[in-house]
């Protein structure tokens, strides 16, 4: 009688299903293999043919998610890059797929597997270009300007916590606890 072991099934941005059956969270894999994984399901399996069936079932589910029609559209609206599927209209506009921030971070609005792999690669390339532009710009700023921008981006609660930390650090050094940053 085969014993069951727990497994976790994931899907990556390209729509590929990966199953972790040995519980090592893919430590043996290349970093790019396991980047940006989404947990699909957890369960237990006896391995072998059972895992093959699980993989086939989940792969079929992911393929059903894929867009029947997909035409990549990227546009800059002032706050990064908006990524849409031009072949599908939703609420009177192109279907929103993702957003690439000024810093090059991608936020997905569709489930993994919806976007064709070739277009995921194009989106990731655009994000890398955006990140490089941002890092070049950031490095060109003075330390004071970077600090100013960092403070401007903080929420009120983060700003208060930052001020308190600075005051505590100054007090520990024997300095004053004024409000200056």
Protein backbone atom coordinates (compact mmCIF):
# COMPACT_ATOMS: atom_id res chain seq x y z
CA UNK A 1 0.00 0.00 0.00
CA UNK A 2 1.41 3.36 -1.03
CA UNK A 3 1.53 6.08 1.55
CA UNK A 4 0.30 9.54 0.80
CA UNK A 5 2.50 12.60 1.13
CA UNK A 6 1.39 16.22 1.02
CA UNK A 7 1.92 18.23 -2.13
CA UNK A 8 1.49 21.82 -3.19
CA UNK A 9 0.66 22.74 -6.78
CA UNK A 10 1.63 26.14 -8.17
CA UNK A 11 1.26 27.98 -11.46
CA UNK A 12 3.78 30.51 -12.73
CA UNK A 13 3.07 33.59 -14.86
CA UNK A 14 3.59 31.58 -18.03
CA UNK A 15 0.78 29.21 -17.07
CA UNK A 16 3.05 26.28 -16.26
CA UNK A 17 2.01 24.00 -13.40
CA UNK A 18 4.69 23.05 -10.86
CA UNK A 19 4.13 20.51 -8.10
CA UNK A 20 6.21 20.43 -4.92
CA UNK A 21 5.96 16.83 -3.69
CA UNK A 22 9.09 16.62 -1.55
CA UNK A 23 8.26 19.69 0.54
CA UNK A 24 11.48 21.54 -0.25
CA UNK A 25 9.74 24.56 -1.86
CA UNK A 26 11.86 24.07 -4.99
CA UNK A 27 15.17 24.79 -3.22
CA UNK A 28 16.90 22.65 -5.85
CA UNK A 29 15.46 24.66 -8.76
CA UNK A 30 16.90 27.59 -10.61
CA UNK A 31 15.59 30.90 -9.22
CA UNK A 32 13.81 31.82 -12.46
CA UNK A 33 11.88 28.53 -12.36
CA UNK A 34 10.05 29.42 -9.18
CA UNK A 35 9.71 33.20 -9.43
CA UNK A 36 6.23 34.59 -9.06
CA UNK A 37 4.37 31.39 -8.23
CA UNK A 38 0.69 31.28 -7.29
CA UNK A 39 -0.57 28.43 -5.12
CA UNK A 40 -3.28 26.47 -6.95
CA UNK A 41 -4.05 23.73 -4.47
CA UNK A 42 -2.73 21.62 -1.62
CA UNK A 43 -3.48 17.98 -1.05
CA UNK A 44 -1.94 14.58 -0.56
CA UNK A 45 -0.86 12.08 -3.15
CA UNK A 46 0.79 8.70 -3.39
CA UNK A 47 3.05 10.09 -6.12
CA UNK A 48 3.81 8.62 -9.54
CA UNK A 49 0.72 8.22 -11.73
CA UNK A 50 -1.41 10.10 -9.21
CA UNK A 51 0.80 13.18 -9.54
CA UNK A 52 0.71 12.90 -13.33
CA UNK A 53 -3.12 12.95 -13.20
CA UNK A 54 -3.11 15.93 -10.82
CA UNK A 55 -0.69 17.80 -13.09
CA UNK A 56 -2.82 17.05 -16.18
CA UNK A 57 -6.02 18.18 -14.43
CA UNK A 58 -4.48 21.44 -13.23
CA UNK A 59 -2.83 22.12 -16.61
CA UNK A 60 -6.21 21.69 -18.30
CA UNK A 61 -7.75 24.13 -15.80
CA UNK A 62 -5.05 26.70 -16.58
CA UNK A 63 -5.53 26.24 -20.33
CA UNK A 64 -9.26 26.94 -19.93
CA UNK A 65 -8.34 30.25 -18.25
CA UNK A 66 -6.30 31.37 -21.24
CA UNK A 67 -7.71 34.21 -23.28
CA UNK A 68 -9.36 32.97 -26.46
CA UNK A 69 -8.34 36.18 -28.16
CA UNK A 70 -5.39 38.23 -26.98
CA UNK A 71 -3.87 41.36 -28.45
CA UNK A 72 -1.31 43.00 -26.18
CA UNK A 73 -1.65 46.75 -25.64
CA UNK A 74 0.60 48.84 -23.39
CA UNK A 75 0.07 52.52 -22.71
CA UNK A 76 1.61 55.13 -20.42
CA UNK A 77 -0.97 57.08 -18.48
CA UNK A 78 1.39 59.01 -16.23
CA UNK A 79 1.69 56.54 -13.38
CA UNK A 80 3.53 53.70 -15.05
CA UNK A 81 2.50 51.40 -17.89
CA UNK A 82 -1.02 50.03 -18.21
CA UNK A 83 -1.20 46.61 -19.87
CA UNK A 84 -4.42 45.56 -21.60
CA UNK A 85 -5.92 42.91 -23.86
CA UNK A 86 -7.06 44.97 -26.84
CA UNK A 87 -9.12 42.05 -28.19
CA UNK A 88 -11.56 42.14 -25.24
CA UNK A 89 -13.72 45.07 -24.17
CA UNK A 90 -14.71 45.36 -20.50
CA UNK A 91 -16.76 48.25 -19.07
CA UNK A 92 -16.29 50.21 -22.29
CA UNK A 93 -12.49 49.88 -22.33
CA UNK A 94 -9.82 47.30 -23.10
CA UNK A 95 -9.57 44.50 -20.53
CA UNK A 96 -6.96 45.42 -17.93
CA UNK A 97 -4.32 42.71 -17.64
CA UNK A 98 -1.56 44.27 -15.51
CA UNK A 99 0.11 47.47 -14.41
CA UNK A 100 3.84 48.17 -14.44
CA UNK A 101 4.79 50.74 -11.80
CA UNK A 102 7.41 53.44 -12.34
CA UNK A 103 9.77 51.22 -10.33
CA UNK A 104 9.21 48.26 -12.71
CA UNK A 105 6.97 46.16 -10.45
CA UNK A 106 4.18 44.23 -12.20
CA UNK A 107 0.76 43.93 -10.59
CA UNK A 108 -1.43 41.37 -12.36
CA UNK A 109 -5.20 41.78 -12.65
CA UNK A 110 -5.80 38.42 -14.35
CA UNK A 111 -5.17 34.88 -13.18
CA UNK A 112 -1.92 33.13 -14.16
CA UNK A 113 -2.27 31.47 -17.54
CA UNK A 114 -4.68 34.05 -18.97
CA UNK A 115 -1.92 35.92 -20.81
CA UNK A 116 -0.01 34.00 -23.51
CA UNK A 117 3.57 33.16 -22.51
CA UNK A 118 5.06 35.23 -25.35
CA UNK A 119 3.18 38.30 -24.10
CA UNK A 120 4.19 37.65 -20.48
CA UNK A 121 7.79 37.79 -21.69
CA UNK A 122 7.12 41.14 -23.42
CA UNK A 123 5.48 42.51 -20.26
CA UNK A 124 8.44 41.38 -18.12
CA UNK A 125 10.87 42.98 -20.61
CA UNK A 126 8.94 46.27 -20.41
CA UNK A 127 9.06 46.03 -16.60
CA UNK A 128 12.83 45.49 -16.68
CA UNK A 129 13.30 48.53 -18.95
CA UNK A 130 11.07 50.61 -16.65
CA UNK A 131 13.05 49.43 -13.59
CA UNK A 132 16.37 50.33 -15.26
CA UNK A 133 15.09 53.81 -16.15
CA UNK A 134 13.89 54.32 -12.58
CA UNK A 135 17.18 53.17 -11.04
CA UNK A 136 19.17 55.46 -13.36
CA UNK A 137 16.95 58.40 -12.44
CA UNK A 138 17.10 57.56 -8.70
CA UNK A 139 20.90 57.33 -8.77
CA UNK A 140 21.10 60.76 -10.41
CA UNK A 141 19.37 62.43 -7.43
CA UNK A 142 21.15 63.89 -4.44
CA UNK A 143 20.84 62.09 -1.12
CA UNK A 144 18.66 64.92 0.21
CA UNK A 145 16.29 64.70 -2.77
CA UNK A 146 16.00 60.89 -2.41
CA UNK A 147 15.20 61.35 1.28
CA UNK A 148 12.58 63.98 0.45
CA UNK A 149 10.92 61.67 -2.09
CA UNK A 150 11.01 58.77 0.37
CA UNK A 151 9.29 60.89 3.02
CA UNK A 152 6.68 62.10 0.50
CA UNK A 153 5.80 58.51 -0.37
CA UNK A 154 5.19 57.50 3.25
CA UNK A 155 1.69 57.19 4.59
CA UNK A 156 0.91 59.40 7.61
CA UNK A 157 1.30 56.45 10.00
CA UNK A 158 4.66 55.48 8.42
CA UNK A 159 5.85 59.08 8.65
CA UNK A 160 4.94 59.32 12.35
CA UNK A 161 6.72 56.03 13.05
CA UNK A 162 9.78 57.29 11.16
CA UNK A 163 9.84 60.56 13.13
CA UNK A 164 9.56 58.66 16.42
CA UNK A 165 12.43 56.36 15.42
CA UNK A 166 14.60 59.34 14.55
CA UNK A 167 13.74 61.06 17.85
CA UNK A 168 14.53 57.88 19.80
CA UNK A 169 17.86 57.52 17.98
CA UNK A 170 18.78 61.12 18.78
CA UNK A 171 17.74 60.72 22.42
CA UNK A 172 19.88 57.57 22.67
CA UNK A 173 22.87 59.58 21.42
CA UNK A 174 22.21 62.20 24.05
CA UNK A 175 20.84 64.72 21.60
CA UNK A 176 17.63 66.67 21.54
CA UNK A 177 14.26 65.13 20.73
CA UNK A 178 13.00 67.97 18.55
CA UNK A 179 10.77 67.27 15.56
CA UNK A 180 13.42 67.82 12.89
CA UNK A 181 14.17 64.87 10.71
